[in-house]
Amino acid sequence: MSGNNYYYYGDNVNMHGGSGNTGIVKHGTTGEPDPALRLALAELLQGVQELREQLPQPSVQLIDESLPVLAADTAPPQERHRALMAVAAIAAAVGAVGQPVAEAANRILQMLSGQ
């Protein structure tokens, strides 16, 4: 058994002589959002739009501030987490009518945390 173990956690570039070598082996994500996450976010956004009509104005304002972050594919993880927490809290606070939205937000939080 040889002691040569190779682990790649980023780009791996090997050049073996010659000139004009081009090419990189990419290791990592493609940057494309997970289709399951996209679907879950779309369902959450639809539920939030329906719930929004039943909320008091201060809650509507917080929801409106959260929507662009939730809809953006490239939202920073911390901002998305905060927006999901805000939506989940508002939905939970209004009781049974908000339960589906709270559950959807919590599912997405679990997806993002890898649970």
Protein backbone atom coordinates (compact mmCIF):
# COMPACT_ATOMS: atom_id res chain seq x y z
CA MET A 1 0.00 0.00 0.00
CA SER A 2 1.52 3.31 -0.99
CA GLY A 3 1.46 6.40 1.18
CA ASN A 4 0.47 8.69 -1.72
CA ASN A 5 -3.05 9.86 -1.00
CA TYR A 6 -4.36 12.84 -2.92
CA TYR A 7 -7.32 14.90 -1.81
CA TYR A 8 -8.69 17.75 -3.90
CA TYR A 9 -10.85 20.44 -2.34
CA GLY A 10 -10.56 23.05 -5.04
CA ASP A 11 -9.18 23.43 -8.53
CA ASN A 12 -6.49 21.00 -9.61
CA VAL A 13 -4.12 22.11 -12.34
CA ASN A 14 -1.47 19.75 -13.76
CA MET A 15 0.93 20.72 -16.54
CA HIS A 16 3.12 18.08 -18.13
CA GLY A 17 5.64 19.74 -20.42
CA GLY A 18 4.95 21.42 -23.75
CA SER A 19 3.53 24.85 -24.31
CA GLY A 20 0.07 26.24 -24.79
CA ASN A 21 -1.41 23.98 -22.12
CA THR A 22 -4.93 24.97 -21.22
CA GLY A 23 -7.51 23.37 -19.01
CA ILE A 24 -8.49 23.10 -15.39
CA VAL A 25 -10.21 20.26 -13.59
CA LYS A 26 -12.89 21.86 -11.44
CA HIS A 27 -13.75 20.30 -8.08
CA GLY A 28 -16.64 21.85 -6.24
CA THR A 29 -20.07 23.23 -6.91
CA THR A 30 -21.24 24.60 -10.20
CA GLY A 31 -22.79 27.65 -8.59
CA GLU A 32 -26.24 26.55 -9.74
CA PRO A 33 -28.88 26.45 -7.01
CA ASP A 34 -30.12 23.03 -5.94
CA PRO A 35 -33.38 22.27 -7.85
CA ALA A 36 -35.06 21.03 -4.65
CA LEU A 37 -34.09 24.25 -2.89
CA ARG A 38 -35.40 26.33 -5.79
CA LEU A 39 -38.73 24.48 -5.67
CA ALA A 40 -39.00 24.85 -1.90
CA LEU A 41 -38.25 28.59 -2.15
CA ALA A 42 -40.85 29.02 -4.91
CA GLU A 43 -43.46 27.28 -2.75
CA LEU A 44 -42.49 29.42 0.24
CA LEU A 45 -42.76 32.63 -1.77
CA GLN A 46 -46.22 31.65 -2.99
CA GLY A 47 -47.33 30.88 0.56
CA VAL A 48 -45.88 34.14 1.84
CA GLN A 49 -47.79 36.11 -0.81
CA GLU A 50 -51.05 34.48 0.29
CA LEU A 51 -50.29 34.97 4.00
CA ARG A 52 -49.22 38.58 3.47
CA GLU A 53 -52.82 39.64 2.84
CA GLN A 54 -53.79 38.53 6.35
CA LEU A 55 -51.00 40.26 8.28
CA PRO A 56 -50.85 43.58 10.12
CA GLN A 57 -48.85 46.34 8.41
CA PRO A 58 -45.63 46.01 10.50
CA SER A 59 -45.44 42.31 9.65
CA VAL A 60 -46.15 43.04 5.98
CA GLN A 61 -43.25 45.49 5.97
CA LEU A 62 -40.86 42.90 7.42
CA ILE A 63 -42.09 40.31 4.93
CA ASP A 64 -41.58 42.80 2.08
CA GLU A 65 -38.01 43.41 3.23
CA SER A 66 -37.37 39.66 3.31
CA LEU A 67 -38.84 38.76 -0.09
CA PRO A 68 -35.99 40.06 -2.31
CA VAL A 69 -33.45 38.10 -0.27
CA LEU A 70 -35.52 34.93 -0.47
CA ALA A 71 -36.09 35.29 -4.21
CA ALA A 72 -32.43 35.97 -5.09
CA ASP A 73 -30.40 32.95 -6.25
CA THR A 74 -27.20 34.60 -5.05
CA ALA A 75 -28.32 35.87 -1.65
CA PRO A 76 -25.57 35.64 0.98
CA PRO A 77 -26.27 32.70 3.30
CA GLN A 78 -26.47 34.85 6.44
CA GLU A 79 -28.99 37.22 4.85
CA ARG A 80 -31.10 34.33 3.57
CA HIS A 81 -31.01 32.72 7.01
CA ARG A 82 -32.19 35.96 8.66
CA ALA A 83 -34.97 36.38 6.10
CA LEU A 84 -36.14 32.79 6.61
CA MET A 85 -36.12 33.23 10.39
CA ALA A 86 -38.16 36.44 10.10
CA VAL A 87 -40.73 34.80 7.83
CA ALA A 88 -40.96 31.70 10.05
CA ALA A 89 -41.45 33.82 13.18
CA ILE A 90 -44.16 35.97 11.61
CA ALA A 91 -45.95 32.93 10.22
CA ALA A 92 -45.79 31.12 13.57
CA ALA A 93 -47.10 34.20 15.38
CA VAL A 94 -50.34 34.29 13.38
CA GLY A 95 -51.27 30.74 14.32
CA ALA A 96 -52.84 28.06 12.17
CA VAL A 97 -53.17 30.26 9.09
CA GLY A 98 -49.41 30.77 9.07
CA GLN A 99 -48.43 27.20 9.91
CA PRO A 100 -47.78 26.05 6.30
CA VAL A 101 -45.47 29.03 5.70
CA ALA A 102 -43.63 28.48 8.99
CA GLU A 103 -43.14 24.81 8.14
CA ALA A 104 -41.91 25.66 4.63
CA ALA A 105 -39.41 28.19 5.99
CA ASN A 106 -38.16 25.68 8.55
CA ARG A 107 -37.75 22.98 5.86
CA ILE A 108 -35.61 25.36 3.82
CA LEU A 109 -33.52 26.24 6.88
CA GLN A 110 -32.89 22.52 7.38
CA MET A 111 -31.96 22.10 3.71
CA LEU A 112 -29.49 24.96 3.93
CA SER A 113 -27.91 23.61 7.08
CA GLY A 114 -27.52 20.15 5.53
CA GLN A 115 -29.78 18.33 7.96
